[in-house]
Amino acid sequence: MHNFQIEGKRAVIDIRERVLKGEHPRREILDFVKSAPVGTVIEVHLPHRGEPLVANFQALGMNAIVNEIEPGHFRLMAIKLDEV
């Protein structure tokens, strides 16, 4: 996965450029979330709110919070609390 960093129990995934190029890396992100250890903080940077990805996180039993950092830069954050 491009622009992907693990910092301790925090995973930072920046997909802004990929999404703007028309790519849809949602499956890669969800595969990572499923394989990540419980307690991992997932931080995804997007060029828009990413409601479909939020819905996928919620379907996995995760609470997802989205905030706008600046115009065209949103951050989705969630913590993996259970095995999925």
PDB file of N, CA and C in Angstrom:
ATOM      1  N   MET A   1       0.862  -1.179   0.000  1.00  0.00           N
ATOM      2  CA  MET A   1       0.000   0.000   0.000  1.00  0.00           C
ATOM      3  C   MET A   1       0.901   1.232   0.000  1.00  0.00           C
ATOM      4  N   HIS A   2       0.607   2.182  -0.820  1.00  0.00           N
ATOM      5  CA  HIS A   2       1.385   3.411  -0.902  1.00  0.00           C
ATOM      6  C   HIS A   2       1.068   4.332   0.268  1.00  0.00           C
ATOM      7  N   ASN A   3       2.050   5.158   0.641  1.00  0.00           N
ATOM      8  CA  ASN A   3       1.859   6.159   1.689  1.00  0.00           C
ATOM      9  C   ASN A   3       1.248   5.559   2.953  1.00  0.00           C
ATOM     10  N   PHE A   4       1.895   4.516   3.436  1.00  0.00           N
ATOM     11  CA  PHE A   4       1.409   3.764   4.567  1.00  0.00           C
ATOM     12  C   PHE A   4       2.529   3.694   5.596  1.00  0.00           C
ATOM     13  N   GLN A   5       2.248   4.079   6.849  1.00  0.00           N
ATOM     14  CA  GLN A   5       3.267   4.075   7.886  1.00  0.00           C
ATOM     15  C   GLN A   5       2.712   3.460   9.158  1.00  0.00           C
ATOM     16  N   ILE A   6       3.559   2.679   9.833  1.00  0.00           N
ATOM     17  CA  ILE A   6       3.201   2.146  11.142  1.00  0.00           C
ATOM     18  C   ILE A   6       4.115   2.837  12.149  1.00  0.00           C
ATOM     19  N   GLU A   7       3.511   3.459  13.130  1.00  0.00           N
ATOM     20  CA  GLU A   7       4.260   4.145  14.181  1.00  0.00           C
ATOM     21  C   GLU A   7       3.786   3.573  15.514  1.00  0.00           C
ATOM     22  N   GLY A   8       4.431   2.521  15.985  1.00  0.00           N
ATOM     23  CA  GLY A   8       3.983   1.863  17.205  1.00  0.00           C
ATOM     24  C   GLY A   8       2.639   1.212  16.967  1.00  0.00           C
ATOM     25  N   LYS A   9       1.622   1.640  17.723  1.00  0.00           N
ATOM     26  CA  LYS A   9       0.258   1.093  17.566  1.00  0.00           C
ATOM     27  C   LYS A   9      -0.593   1.999  16.686  1.00  0.00           C
ATOM     28  N   ARG A  10       0.038   2.853  15.910  1.00  0.00           N
ATOM     29  CA  ARG A  10      -0.687   3.790  15.057  1.00  0.00           C
ATOM     30  C   ARG A  10      -0.326   3.523  13.597  1.00  0.00           C
ATOM     31  N   ALA A  11      -1.342   3.355  12.770  1.00  0.00           N
ATOM     32  CA  ALA A  11      -1.144   3.165  11.332  1.00  0.00           C
ATOM     33  C   ALA A  11      -1.676   4.395  10.616  1.00  0.00           C
ATOM     34  N   VAL A  12      -0.817   5.049   9.850  1.00  0.00           N
ATOM     35  CA  VAL A  12      -1.201   6.240   9.091  1.00  0.00           C
ATOM     36  C   VAL A  12      -1.213   5.864   7.620  1.00  0.00           C
ATOM     37  N   ILE A  13      -2.367   6.050   6.993  1.00  0.00           N
ATOM     38  CA  ILE A  13      -2.555   5.687   5.593  1.00  0.00           C
ATOM     39  C   ILE A  13      -3.019   6.931   4.846  1.00  0.00           C
ATOM     40  N   ASP A  14      -2.179   7.432   3.950  1.00  0.00           N
ATOM     41  CA  ASP A  14      -2.516   8.638   3.191  1.00  0.00           C
ATOM     42  C   ASP A  14      -2.850   8.226   1.765  1.00  0.00           C
ATOM     43  N   ILE A  15      -4.138   8.275   1.432  1.00  0.00           N
ATOM     44  CA  ILE A  15      -4.582   7.848   0.097  1.00  0.00           C
ATOM     45  C   ILE A  15      -5.094   9.024  -0.738  1.00  0.00           C
ATOM     46  N   ARG A  16      -4.800  10.232  -0.312  1.00  0.00           N
ATOM     47  CA  ARG A  16      -5.320  11.405  -1.037  1.00  0.00           C
ATOM     48  C   ARG A  16      -4.933  11.395  -2.509  1.00  0.00           C
ATOM     49  N   GLU A  17      -3.659  11.219  -2.811  1.00  0.00           N
ATOM     50  CA  GLU A  17      -3.223  11.250  -4.207  1.00  0.00           C
ATOM     51  C   GLU A  17      -3.827  10.117  -5.017  1.00  0.00           C
ATOM     52  N   ARG A  18      -3.885   8.940  -4.428  1.00  0.00           N
ATOM     53  CA  ARG A  18      -4.445   7.786  -5.148  1.00  0.00           C
ATOM     54  C   ARG A  18      -5.914   8.005  -5.492  1.00  0.00           C
ATOM     55  N   VAL A  19      -6.682   8.529  -4.541  1.00  0.00           N
ATOM     56  CA  VAL A  19      -8.108   8.766  -4.784  1.00  0.00           C
ATOM     57  C   VAL A  19      -8.286   9.838  -5.857  1.00  0.00           C
ATOM     58  N   LEU A  20      -7.474  10.881  -5.795  1.00  0.00           N
ATOM     59  CA  LEU A  20      -7.573  11.942  -6.798  1.00  0.00           C
ATOM     60  C   LEU A  20      -7.207  11.450  -8.198  1.00  0.00           C
ATOM     61  N   LYS A  21      -6.427  10.371  -8.288  1.00  0.00           N
ATOM     62  CA  LYS A  21      -6.083   9.761  -9.581  1.00  0.00           C
ATOM     63  C   LYS A  21      -7.154   8.775 -10.045  1.00  0.00           C
ATOM     64  N   GLY A  22      -8.212   8.602  -9.239  1.00  0.00           N
ATOM     65  CA  GLY A  22      -9.300   7.713  -9.620  1.00  0.00           C
ATOM     66  C   GLY A  22      -9.189   6.305  -9.048  1.00  0.00           C
ATOM     67  N   GLU A  23      -8.210   6.061  -8.198  1.00  0.00           N
ATOM     68  CA  GLU A  23      -8.062   4.742  -7.589  1.00  0.00           C
ATOM     69  C   GLU A  23      -9.011   4.610  -6.404  1.00  0.00           C
ATOM     70  N   HIS A  24      -9.312   3.375  -6.059  1.00  0.00           N
ATOM     71  CA  HIS A  24     -10.211   3.086  -4.940  1.00  0.00           C
ATOM     72  C   HIS A  24      -9.558   2.022  -4.052  1.00  0.00           C
ATOM     73  N   PRO A  25      -8.654   2.421  -3.144  1.00  0.00           N
ATOM     74  CA  PRO A  25      -7.908   1.450  -2.337  1.00  0.00           C
ATOM     75  C   PRO A  25      -8.654   0.944  -1.094  1.00  0.00           C
ATOM     76  N   ARG A  26      -9.958   1.021  -1.098  1.00  0.00           N
ATOM     77  CA  ARG A  26     -10.733   0.623   0.075  1.00  0.00           C
ATOM     78  C   ARG A  26     -10.454  -0.829   0.489  1.00  0.00           C
ATOM     79  N   ARG A  27     -10.381  -1.744  -0.476  1.00  0.00           N
ATOM     80  CA  ARG A  27     -10.137  -3.158  -0.151  1.00  0.00           C
ATOM     81  C   ARG A  27      -8.786  -3.327   0.544  1.00  0.00           C
ATOM     82  N   GLU A  28      -7.748  -2.628   0.085  1.00  0.00           N
ATOM     83  CA  GLU A  28      -6.430  -2.706   0.713  1.00  0.00           C
ATOM     84  C   GLU A  28      -6.493  -2.243   2.173  1.00  0.00           C
ATOM     85  N   ILE A  29      -7.218  -1.162   2.394  1.00  0.00           N
ATOM     86  CA  ILE A  29      -7.343  -0.619   3.758  1.00  0.00           C
ATOM     87  C   ILE A  29      -8.082  -1.610   4.646  1.00  0.00           C
ATOM     88  N   LEU A  30      -9.185  -2.153   4.160  1.00  0.00           N
ATOM     89  CA  LEU A  30      -9.961  -3.097   4.966  1.00  0.00           C
ATOM     90  C   LEU A  30      -9.175  -4.378   5.234  1.00  0.00           C
ATOM     91  N   ASP A  31      -8.406  -4.851   4.265  1.00  0.00           N
ATOM     92  CA  ASP A  31      -7.564  -6.030   4.496  1.00  0.00           C
ATOM     93  C   ASP A  31      -6.534  -5.737   5.580  1.00  0.00           C
ATOM     94  N   PHE A  32      -5.956  -4.531   5.537  1.00  0.00           N
ATOM     95  CA  PHE A  32      -4.992  -4.158   6.575  1.00  0.00           C
ATOM     96  C   PHE A  32      -5.668  -4.121   7.944  1.00  0.00           C
ATOM     97  N   VAL A  33      -6.832  -3.487   8.027  1.00  0.00           N
ATOM     98  CA  VAL A  33      -7.543  -3.364   9.302  1.00  0.00           C
ATOM     99  C   VAL A  33      -7.820  -4.755   9.871  1.00  0.00           C
ATOM    100  N   LYS A  34      -8.246  -5.669   9.038  1.00  0.00           N
ATOM    101  CA  LYS A  34      -8.545  -7.025   9.507  1.00  0.00           C
ATOM    102  C   LYS A  34      -7.304  -7.722  10.049  1.00  0.00           C
ATOM    103  N   SER A  35      -6.138  -7.431   9.484  1.00  0.00           N
ATOM    104  CA  SER A  35      -4.907  -8.094   9.916  1.00  0.00           C
ATOM    105  C   SER A  35      -4.170  -7.345  11.024  1.00  0.00           C
ATOM    106  N   ALA A  36      -4.568  -6.106  11.302  1.00  0.00           N
ATOM    107  CA  ALA A  36      -3.886  -5.295  12.321  1.00  0.00           C
ATOM    108  C   ALA A  36      -4.181  -5.832  13.719  1.00  0.00           C
ATOM    109  N   PRO A  37      -3.224  -5.694  14.638  1.00  0.00           N
ATOM    110  CA  PRO A  37      -3.472  -6.139  16.011  1.00  0.00           C
ATOM    111  C   PRO A  37      -4.554  -5.298  16.694  1.00  0.00           C
ATOM    112  N   VAL A  38      -5.258  -5.929  17.618  1.00  0.00           N
ATOM    113  CA  VAL A  38      -6.235  -5.189  18.432  1.00  0.00           C
ATOM    114  C   VAL A  38      -5.487  -4.057  19.142  1.00  0.00           C
ATOM    115  N   GLY A  39      -6.121  -2.901  19.204  1.00  0.00           N
ATOM    116  CA  GLY A  39      -5.517  -1.737  19.843  1.00  0.00           C
ATOM    117  C   GLY A  39      -4.857  -0.791  18.859  1.00  0.00           C
ATOM    118  N   THR A  40      -4.789  -1.175  17.583  1.00  0.00           N
ATOM    119  CA  THR A  40      -4.183  -0.315  16.573  1.00  0.00           C
ATOM    120  C   THR A  40      -5.091   0.877  16.284  1.00  0.00           C
ATOM    121  N   VAL A  41      -4.498   2.065  16.282  1.00  0.00           N
ATOM    122  CA  VAL A  41      -5.209   3.280  15.883  1.00  0.00           C
ATOM    123  C   VAL A  41      -5.013   3.420  14.375  1.00  0.00           C
ATOM    124  N   ILE A  42      -6.110   3.467  13.646  1.00  0.00           N
ATOM    125  CA  ILE A  42      -6.076   3.590  12.188  1.00  0.00           C
ATOM    126  C   ILE A  42      -6.380   5.036  11.839  1.00  0.00           C
ATOM    127  N   GLU A  43      -5.493   5.663  11.073  1.00  0.00           N
ATOM    128  CA  GLU A  43      -5.676   7.054  10.654  1.00  0.00           C
ATOM    129  C   GLU A  43      -5.554   7.086   9.135  1.00  0.00           C
ATOM    130  N   VAL A  44      -6.653   7.431   8.466  1.00  0.00           N
ATOM    131  CA  VAL A  44      -6.678   7.454   7.001  1.00  0.00           C
ATOM    132  C   VAL A  44      -6.879   8.893   6.546  1.00  0.00           C
ATOM    133  N   HIS A  45      -5.999   9.373   5.684  1.00  0.00           N
ATOM    134  CA  HIS A  45      -6.105  10.728   5.134  1.00  0.00           C
ATOM    135  C   HIS A  45      -6.707  10.642   3.740  1.00  0.00           C
ATOM    136  N   LEU A  46      -7.777  11.417   3.531  1.00  0.00           N
ATOM    137  CA  LEU A  46      -8.582  11.369   2.306  1.00  0.00           C
ATOM    138  C   LEU A  46      -8.801  12.772   1.745  1.00  0.00           C
ATOM    139  N   PRO A  47      -9.134  12.868   0.444  1.00  0.00           N
ATOM    140  CA  PRO A  47      -9.461  14.181  -0.119  1.00  0.00           C
ATOM    141  C   PRO A  47     -10.933  14.566   0.068  1.00  0.00           C
ATOM    142  N   HIS A  48     -11.729  13.662   0.658  1.00  0.00           N
ATOM    143  CA  HIS A  48     -13.155  13.918   0.922  1.00  0.00           C
ATOM    144  C   HIS A  48     -13.546  13.144   2.172  1.00  0.00           C
ATOM    145  N   ARG A  49     -14.784  13.229   2.595  1.00  0.00           N
ATOM    146  CA  ARG A  49     -15.202  12.624   3.864  1.00  0.00           C
ATOM    147  C   ARG A  49     -15.109  11.094   3.896  1.00  0.00           C
ATOM    148  N   GLY A  50     -15.180  10.441   2.774  1.00  0.00           N
ATOM    149  CA  GLY A  50     -15.013   8.984   2.716  1.00  0.00           C
ATOM    150  C   GLY A  50     -16.124   8.209   3.405  1.00  0.00           C
ATOM    151  N   GLU A  51     -17.358   8.612   3.195  1.00  0.00           N
ATOM    152  CA  GLU A  51     -18.486   7.953   3.857  1.00  0.00           C
ATOM    153  C   GLU A  51     -18.565   6.447   3.588  1.00  0.00           C
ATOM    154  N   PRO A  52     -18.279   5.950   2.362  1.00  0.00           N
ATOM    155  CA  PRO A  52     -18.311   4.491   2.168  1.00  0.00           C
ATOM    156  C   PRO A  52     -17.290   3.772   3.066  1.00  0.00           C
ATOM    157  N   LEU A  53     -16.111   4.353   3.237  1.00  0.00           N
ATOM    158  CA  LEU A  53     -15.099   3.745   4.099  1.00  0.00           C
ATOM    159  C   LEU A  53     -15.533   3.799   5.561  1.00  0.00           C
ATOM    160  N   VAL A  54     -16.159   4.888   5.958  1.00  0.00           N
ATOM    161  CA  VAL A  54     -16.705   4.998   7.322  1.00  0.00           C
ATOM    162  C   VAL A  54     -17.721   3.880   7.549  1.00  0.00           C
ATOM    163  N   ALA A  55     -18.594   3.669   6.585  1.00  0.00           N
ATOM    164  CA  ALA A  55     -19.611   2.613   6.701  1.00  0.00           C
ATOM    165  C   ALA A  55     -18.956   1.236   6.808  1.00  0.00           C
ATOM    166  N   ASN A  56     -17.877   1.018   6.054  1.00  0.00           N
ATOM    167  CA  ASN A  56     -17.161  -0.259   6.146  1.00  0.00           C
ATOM    168  C   ASN A  56     -16.534  -0.444   7.523  1.00  0.00           C
ATOM    169  N   PHE A  57     -15.942   0.597   8.073  1.00  0.00           N
ATOM    170  CA  PHE A  57     -15.360   0.523   9.417  1.00  0.00           C
ATOM    171  C   PHE A  57     -16.456   0.198  10.429  1.00  0.00           C
ATOM    172  N   GLN A  58     -17.606   0.852  10.292  1.00  0.00           N
ATOM    173  CA  GLN A  58     -18.715   0.613  11.220  1.00  0.00           C
ATOM    174  C   GLN A  58     -19.226  -0.817  11.088  1.00  0.00           C
ATOM    175  N   ALA A  59     -19.239  -1.352   9.874  1.00  0.00           N
ATOM    176  CA  ALA A  59     -19.670  -2.732   9.662  1.00  0.00           C
ATOM    177  C   ALA A  59     -18.719  -3.726  10.343  1.00  0.00           C
ATOM    178  N   LEU A  60     -17.470  -3.307  10.542  1.00  0.00           N
ATOM    179  CA  LEU A  60     -16.497  -4.142  11.246  1.00  0.00           C
ATOM    180  C   LEU A  60     -16.570  -3.935  12.763  1.00  0.00           C
ATOM    181  N   GLY A  61     -17.533  -3.112  13.211  1.00  0.00           N
ATOM    182  CA  GLY A  61     -17.708  -2.874  14.638  1.00  0.00           C
ATOM    183  C   GLY A  61     -16.841  -1.768  15.198  1.00  0.00           C
ATOM    184  N   MET A  62     -16.297  -0.925  14.325  1.00  0.00           N
ATOM    185  CA  MET A  62     -15.418   0.158  14.752  1.00  0.00           C
ATOM    186  C   MET A  62     -16.148   1.487  14.681  1.00  0.00           C
ATOM    187  N   ASN A  63     -15.903   2.353  15.651  1.00  0.00           N
ATOM    188  CA  ASN A  63     -16.405   3.719  15.592  1.00  0.00           C
ATOM    189  C   ASN A  63     -15.404   4.531  14.793  1.00  0.00           C
ATOM    190  N   ALA A  64     -15.870   5.222  13.786  1.00  0.00           N
ATOM    191  CA  ALA A  64     -14.995   6.037  12.939  1.00  0.00           C
ATOM    192  C   ALA A  64     -15.352   7.502  13.108  1.00  0.00           C
ATOM    193  N   ILE A  65     -14.337   8.312  13.270  1.00  0.00           N
ATOM    194  CA  ILE A  65     -14.509   9.760  13.402  1.00  0.00           C
ATOM    195  C   ILE A  65     -13.821  10.407  12.206  1.00  0.00           C
ATOM    196  N   VAL A  66     -14.508  11.342  11.565  1.00  0.00           N
ATOM    197  CA  VAL A  66     -13.937  12.058  10.429  1.00  0.00           C
ATOM    198  C   VAL A  66     -13.892  13.536  10.780  1.00  0.00           C
ATOM    199  N   ASN A  67     -12.735  14.150  10.551  1.00  0.00           N
ATOM    200  CA  ASN A  67     -12.664  15.599  10.707  1.00  0.00           C
ATOM    201  C   ASN A  67     -11.927  16.199   9.524  1.00  0.00           C
ATOM    202  N   GLU A  68     -12.264  17.458   9.227  1.00  0.00           N
ATOM    203  CA  GLU A  68     -11.643  18.161   8.114  1.00  0.00           C
ATOM    204  C   GLU A  68     -10.438  18.916   8.650  1.00  0.00           C
ATOM    205  N   ILE A  69      -9.264  18.570   8.148  1.00  0.00           N
ATOM    206  CA  ILE A  69      -8.036  19.234   8.576  1.00  0.00           C
ATOM    207  C   ILE A  69      -7.895  20.567   7.855  1.00  0.00           C
ATOM    208  N   GLU A  70      -8.196  20.564   6.564  1.00  0.00           N
ATOM    209  CA  GLU A  70      -8.215  21.769   5.724  1.00  0.00           C
ATOM    210  C   GLU A  70      -9.048  21.422   4.493  1.00  0.00           C
ATOM    211  N   PRO A  71      -9.415  22.388   3.678  1.00  0.00           N
ATOM    212  CA  PRO A  71     -10.205  22.057   2.487  1.00  0.00           C
ATOM    213  C   PRO A  71      -9.483  20.998   1.643  1.00  0.00           C
ATOM    214  N   GLY A  72     -10.208  19.925   1.318  1.00  0.00           N
ATOM    215  CA  GLY A  72      -9.645  18.856   0.509  1.00  0.00           C
ATOM    216  C   GLY A  72      -8.738  17.892   1.275  1.00  0.00           C
ATOM    217  N   HIS A  73      -8.772  17.955   2.612  1.00  0.00           N
ATOM    218  CA  HIS A  73      -7.952  17.044   3.434  1.00  0.00           C
ATOM    219  C   HIS A  73      -8.752  16.649   4.672  1.00  0.00           C
ATOM    220  N   PHE A  74      -9.221  15.402   4.642  1.00  0.00           N
ATOM    221  CA  PHE A  74     -10.009  14.853   5.744  1.00  0.00           C
ATOM    222  C   PHE A  74      -9.227  13.730   6.402  1.00  0.00           C
ATOM    223  N   ARG A  75      -9.465  13.543   7.702  1.00  0.00           N
ATOM    224  CA  ARG A  75      -8.822  12.455   8.445  1.00  0.00           C
ATOM    225  C   ARG A  75      -9.894  11.598   9.083  1.00  0.00           C
ATOM    226  N   LEU A  76      -9.859  10.302   8.759  1.00  0.00           N
ATOM    227  CA  LEU A  76     -10.744   9.317   9.363  1.00  0.00           C
ATOM    228  C   LEU A  76      -9.909   8.592  10.420  1.00  0.00           C
ATOM    229  N   MET A  77     -10.438   8.498  11.642  1.00  0.00           N
ATOM    230  CA  MET A  77      -9.714   7.816  12.702  1.00  0.00           C
ATOM    231  C   MET A  77     -10.613   6.772  13.357  1.00  0.00           C
ATOM    232  N   ALA A  78     -10.017   5.628  13.690  1.00  0.00           N
ATOM    233  CA  ALA A  78     -10.736   4.558  14.374  1.00  0.00           C
ATOM    234  C   ALA A  78      -9.719   3.714  15.133  1.00  0.00           C
ATOM    235  N   ILE A  79     -10.184   3.006  16.134  1.00  0.00           N
ATOM    236  CA  ILE A  79      -9.345   2.103  16.910  1.00  0.00           C
ATOM    237  C   ILE A  79      -9.919   0.709  16.751  1.00  0.00           C
ATOM    238  N   LYS A  80      -9.055  -0.236  16.428  1.00  0.00           N
ATOM    239  CA  LYS A  80      -9.490  -1.621  16.324  1.00  0.00           C
ATOM    240  C   LYS A  80      -9.573  -2.184  17.728  1.00  0.00           C
ATOM    241  N   LEU A  81     -10.794  -2.462  18.181  1.00  0.00           N
ATOM    242  CA  LEU A  81     -11.013  -2.923  19.542  1.00  0.00           C
ATOM    243  C   LEU A  81     -11.196  -4.424  19.651  1.00  0.00           C
ATOM    244  N   ASP A  82     -11.604  -5.067  18.572  1.00  0.00           N
ATOM    245  CA  ASP A  82     -11.863  -6.517  18.567  1.00  0.00           C
ATOM    246  C   ASP A  82     -11.287  -7.133  17.305  1.00  0.00           C
ATOM    247  N   GLU A  83     -11.106  -8.443  17.345  1.00  0.00           N
ATOM    248  CA  GLU A  83     -10.710  -9.158  16.124  1.00  0.00           C
ATOM    249  C   GLU A  83     -11.894  -9.153  15.164  1.00  0.00           C
ATOM    250  N   VAL A  84     -11.601  -8.935  13.893  1.00  0.00           N
ATOM    251  CA  VAL A  84     -12.652  -8.945  12.865  1.00  0.00           C
ATOM    252  C   VAL A  84     -12.286  -9.929  11.795  1.00  0.00           C
TER     253      VAL A  84
END
